N, C-alpha and C. Protein backbone atom coordinates (compact mmCIF):
# COMPACT_ATOMS: atom_id res chain seq x y z
N MET A 1 -1.03 2.32 11.00
CA MET A 1 -1.82 2.24 12.19
C MET A 1 -1.42 0.92 12.92
N ARG A 2 -1.71 0.74 14.04
CA ARG A 2 -1.28 -0.54 14.77
C ARG A 2 -2.43 -1.52 14.69
N VAL A 3 -1.91 -2.80 14.36
CA VAL A 3 -2.86 -3.71 14.17
C VAL A 3 -2.46 -4.98 15.19
N SER A 4 -3.42 -5.39 16.07
CA SER A 4 -3.17 -6.49 16.86
C SER A 4 -3.50 -7.76 16.05
N VAL A 5 -2.61 -8.72 15.92
CA VAL A 5 -2.69 -10.12 15.21
C VAL A 5 -2.84 -11.08 16.26
N PRO A 6 -3.84 -12.04 15.88
CA PRO A 6 -4.04 -13.27 16.73
C PRO A 6 -3.02 -14.21 16.67
N SER A 7 -2.85 -15.04 17.64
CA SER A 7 -1.65 -15.91 17.83
C SER A 7 -1.76 -16.93 16.65
N PRO A 8 -2.87 -17.40 16.10
CA PRO A 8 -2.92 -18.41 15.00
C PRO A 8 -2.35 -17.86 13.67
N LEU A 9 -2.26 -16.44 13.40
CA LEU A 9 -1.85 -15.84 12.25
C LEU A 9 -0.42 -15.26 12.42
N ARG A 10 0.11 -15.32 13.65
CA ARG A 10 1.44 -14.83 13.91
C ARG A 10 2.57 -15.48 13.18
N SER A 11 2.37 -16.71 12.60
CA SER A 11 3.38 -17.33 11.75
C SER A 11 3.63 -16.49 10.62
N TYR A 12 2.73 -15.80 10.15
CA TYR A 12 2.83 -14.84 8.90
C TYR A 12 3.72 -13.61 9.35
N THR A 13 3.55 -13.18 10.51
CA THR A 13 4.15 -11.83 11.02
C THR A 13 5.51 -12.14 11.68
N GLY A 14 5.92 -13.34 11.60
CA GLY A 14 7.39 -13.63 12.26
C GLY A 14 7.18 -13.73 13.82
N GLY A 15 5.93 -13.86 14.31
CA GLY A 15 5.56 -14.08 15.76
C GLY A 15 5.11 -12.73 16.24
N LEU A 16 5.12 -11.72 15.56
CA LEU A 16 4.80 -10.37 16.16
C LEU A 16 3.20 -10.32 16.53
N ALA A 17 2.83 -9.90 17.59
CA ALA A 17 1.65 -9.85 18.15
C ALA A 17 0.76 -8.46 17.55
N GLU A 18 1.76 -7.50 17.35
CA GLU A 18 1.31 -6.19 16.80
C GLU A 18 2.23 -5.77 15.65
N VAL A 19 1.46 -5.26 14.69
CA VAL A 19 2.29 -4.82 13.38
C VAL A 19 1.72 -3.47 13.02
N GLU A 20 2.46 -2.91 12.12
CA GLU A 20 1.87 -1.62 11.42
C GLU A 20 1.32 -1.99 9.94
N ALA A 21 0.39 -1.17 9.74
CA ALA A 21 -0.30 -1.40 8.35
C ALA A 21 -0.88 -0.04 7.95
N ALA A 22 -1.21 0.17 6.74
CA ALA A 22 -1.78 1.44 6.27
C ALA A 22 -2.93 1.11 5.30
N GLY A 23 -3.78 2.00 5.24
CA GLY A 23 -5.02 1.90 4.34
C GLY A 23 -6.16 2.97 4.72
N ARG A 24 -6.86 3.25 3.88
CA ARG A 24 -8.08 4.17 4.18
C ARG A 24 -9.30 3.50 4.49
N THR A 25 -9.37 2.01 4.12
CA THR A 25 -10.49 1.24 4.51
C THR A 25 -10.07 -0.03 5.25
N VAL A 26 -10.87 -0.80 5.77
CA VAL A 26 -10.42 -2.13 6.36
C VAL A 26 -9.88 -3.01 5.22
N GLY A 27 -10.45 -2.99 4.08
CA GLY A 27 -9.99 -3.92 2.91
C GLY A 27 -8.54 -3.42 2.54
N GLU A 28 -8.32 -2.17 2.44
CA GLU A 28 -6.94 -1.62 2.03
C GLU A 28 -5.91 -1.95 3.07
N LEU A 29 -6.34 -1.92 4.44
CA LEU A 29 -5.49 -2.31 5.37
C LEU A 29 -5.01 -3.66 5.36
N LEU A 30 -6.04 -4.63 5.13
CA LEU A 30 -5.76 -5.99 5.02
C LEU A 30 -4.95 -6.34 3.89
N SER A 31 -5.12 -5.63 2.70
CA SER A 31 -4.30 -5.77 1.51
C SER A 31 -2.86 -5.27 1.83
N ASP A 32 -2.67 -4.17 2.59
CA ASP A 32 -1.32 -3.82 3.01
C ASP A 32 -0.70 -4.86 3.87
N LEU A 33 -1.54 -5.32 4.82
CA LEU A 33 -0.90 -6.46 5.59
C LEU A 33 -0.36 -7.63 4.77
N ASP A 34 -1.22 -7.95 3.75
CA ASP A 34 -0.68 -9.05 2.91
C ASP A 34 0.51 -8.65 2.16
N ARG A 35 0.69 -7.38 1.73
CA ARG A 35 1.87 -6.93 1.05
C ARG A 35 3.08 -7.11 2.00
N ARG A 36 2.86 -6.79 3.24
CA ARG A 36 4.01 -6.91 4.24
C ARG A 36 4.17 -8.35 4.66
N TYR A 37 3.22 -9.00 4.80
CA TYR A 37 3.11 -10.37 5.34
C TYR A 37 2.31 -11.22 4.36
N PRO A 38 3.06 -11.79 3.25
CA PRO A 38 2.33 -12.55 2.29
C PRO A 38 1.51 -13.72 2.78
N GLY A 39 0.43 -13.81 2.20
CA GLY A 39 -0.62 -14.94 2.57
C GLY A 39 -1.52 -14.79 3.70
N ILE A 40 -1.23 -13.70 4.48
CA ILE A 40 -2.23 -13.34 5.71
C ILE A 40 -3.51 -13.12 5.32
N ARG A 41 -3.74 -12.29 4.26
CA ARG A 41 -5.09 -11.94 3.87
C ARG A 41 -6.02 -13.07 3.45
N PHE A 42 -5.46 -14.07 2.79
CA PHE A 42 -6.21 -15.19 2.57
C PHE A 42 -6.80 -15.93 3.61
N ARG A 43 -6.14 -15.94 4.79
CA ARG A 43 -6.63 -16.57 6.10
C ARG A 43 -7.61 -15.75 6.60
N MET A 44 -7.94 -14.48 6.18
CA MET A 44 -9.01 -13.63 6.88
C MET A 44 -10.12 -13.36 5.90
N ILE A 45 -9.93 -13.36 4.70
CA ILE A 45 -10.80 -13.02 3.51
C ILE A 45 -11.08 -14.13 2.60
N ASP A 46 -12.32 -14.42 2.32
CA ASP A 46 -12.68 -15.57 1.44
C ASP A 46 -12.63 -15.22 -0.05
N GLU A 47 -13.00 -16.04 -0.87
CA GLU A 47 -12.94 -15.93 -2.39
C GLU A 47 -13.92 -14.92 -2.78
N GLN A 48 -14.97 -14.60 -2.01
CA GLN A 48 -16.08 -13.68 -2.42
C GLN A 48 -15.67 -12.36 -1.75
N ASP A 49 -14.48 -12.06 -1.33
CA ASP A 49 -13.97 -10.80 -0.64
C ASP A 49 -14.91 -10.43 0.49
N ARG A 50 -15.17 -11.45 1.38
CA ARG A 50 -15.84 -11.16 2.60
C ARG A 50 -15.02 -11.74 3.77
N ILE A 51 -14.98 -11.05 5.07
CA ILE A 51 -14.38 -11.64 6.01
C ILE A 51 -14.89 -12.85 6.48
N ARG A 52 -13.88 -13.77 6.68
CA ARG A 52 -14.26 -15.20 7.01
C ARG A 52 -15.07 -15.41 8.27
N PRO A 53 -15.93 -16.42 8.24
CA PRO A 53 -16.82 -16.54 9.60
C PRO A 53 -16.03 -16.63 10.91
N HIS A 54 -14.85 -17.15 10.83
CA HIS A 54 -14.11 -17.32 12.12
C HIS A 54 -13.12 -16.17 12.39
N ILE A 55 -13.33 -15.14 11.64
CA ILE A 55 -12.47 -13.90 11.86
C ILE A 55 -13.28 -12.75 12.34
N ARG A 56 -12.85 -12.05 13.30
CA ARG A 56 -13.41 -10.76 13.68
C ARG A 56 -12.54 -9.63 13.63
N VAL A 57 -13.15 -8.51 13.11
CA VAL A 57 -12.08 -7.36 12.90
C VAL A 57 -12.89 -6.26 13.74
N PHE A 58 -12.15 -5.71 14.57
CA PHE A 58 -12.55 -4.58 15.43
C PHE A 58 -11.82 -3.30 15.15
N VAL A 59 -12.51 -2.28 14.93
CA VAL A 59 -12.13 -1.01 14.74
C VAL A 59 -12.47 -0.18 15.98
N GLY A 60 -11.31 0.30 16.70
CA GLY A 60 -11.74 1.08 17.88
C GLY A 60 -12.53 0.49 18.83
N GLY A 61 -12.50 -0.85 18.93
CA GLY A 61 -13.22 -1.67 19.96
C GLY A 61 -14.59 -1.99 19.41
N VAL A 62 -14.99 -1.76 18.05
CA VAL A 62 -16.36 -2.12 17.67
C VAL A 62 -16.09 -2.99 16.42
N GLN A 63 -16.87 -4.08 16.52
CA GLN A 63 -16.80 -5.17 15.42
C GLN A 63 -17.22 -4.51 13.97
N GLU A 64 -16.36 -4.85 13.10
CA GLU A 64 -16.69 -4.38 11.75
C GLU A 64 -16.83 -5.49 10.82
N PHE A 65 -17.94 -5.41 9.98
CA PHE A 65 -18.19 -6.42 8.99
C PHE A 65 -17.91 -6.13 7.61
N SER A 66 -17.55 -4.77 7.31
CA SER A 66 -17.50 -4.42 5.95
C SER A 66 -16.02 -4.03 5.56
N LEU A 67 -15.57 -4.59 4.54
CA LEU A 67 -14.14 -4.15 4.17
C LEU A 67 -14.02 -2.75 3.63
N GLY A 68 -15.33 -2.16 3.42
CA GLY A 68 -15.27 -0.83 2.86
C GLY A 68 -15.33 0.35 4.03
N ARG A 69 -15.29 -0.19 5.21
CA ARG A 69 -15.45 0.89 6.30
C ARG A 69 -14.15 1.64 6.29
N THR A 70 -14.32 2.94 6.35
CA THR A 70 -13.38 3.97 6.48
C THR A 70 -12.72 3.85 7.75
N ILE A 71 -11.26 4.02 7.73
CA ILE A 71 -10.48 3.97 8.94
C ILE A 71 -9.56 5.10 8.80
N THR A 72 -8.96 5.60 10.04
CA THR A 72 -8.03 6.65 10.13
C THR A 72 -6.65 6.17 10.80
N SER A 73 -5.74 6.86 10.70
CA SER A 73 -4.41 6.44 11.24
C SER A 73 -4.35 6.41 12.75
N GLU A 74 -5.47 7.00 13.34
CA GLU A 74 -5.60 7.00 14.82
C GLU A 74 -6.50 5.69 15.36
N ASP A 75 -7.04 5.05 14.36
CA ASP A 75 -7.88 3.78 14.66
C ASP A 75 -6.88 2.73 15.25
N GLU A 76 -7.34 1.93 16.20
CA GLU A 76 -6.60 0.69 16.60
C GLU A 76 -7.44 -0.47 15.98
N ILE A 77 -6.75 -1.31 15.31
CA ILE A 77 -7.38 -2.48 14.71
C ILE A 77 -6.96 -3.71 15.38
N GLN A 78 -8.00 -4.49 15.84
CA GLN A 78 -7.71 -5.76 16.42
C GLN A 78 -8.39 -6.72 15.66
N ILE A 79 -7.58 -7.88 15.42
CA ILE A 79 -8.09 -8.96 14.59
C ILE A 79 -8.12 -10.21 15.36
N LEU A 80 -9.27 -10.90 15.60
CA LEU A 80 -9.49 -12.05 16.47
C LEU A 80 -9.81 -13.17 15.46
N GLN A 81 -9.39 -14.50 16.07
CA GLN A 81 -9.60 -15.58 15.21
C GLN A 81 -10.19 -16.69 16.24
N ALA A 82 -11.37 -17.20 15.97
CA ALA A 82 -12.07 -18.22 16.73
C ALA A 82 -11.25 -19.49 16.35
N LEU A 83 -11.02 -20.33 17.35
CA LEU A 83 -10.43 -21.58 17.10
C LEU A 83 -11.58 -22.75 17.08
N SER A 84 -11.39 -23.73 16.32
CA SER A 84 -12.37 -24.87 16.09
C SER A 84 -11.70 -26.10 16.26
N GLY A 85 -12.53 -27.13 16.47
CA GLY A 85 -11.97 -28.42 16.52
C GLY A 85 -12.53 -29.28 17.66
N GLY A 86 -11.98 -30.42 17.82
CA GLY A 86 -12.61 -31.24 18.81
C GLY A 86 -11.78 -32.27 19.25
């Protein structure tokens, strides 16, 4: 399925804004992304296996909070990352 990658994470995807990944759940999809683009999952998922507070994952335009959420090959996945600093 098609995954939109935010610009702060594109260094992992070789600059690609959209990539392909597979999985039956959001968690599997993110693991597949990490298999294809090593290190990217750690930037999105914390040590307690939760989506990091500055990351938003949208499935079909609806924000998803659970890595266990079932997804299909027709779903569009969008990952957004808040920027912070001062």
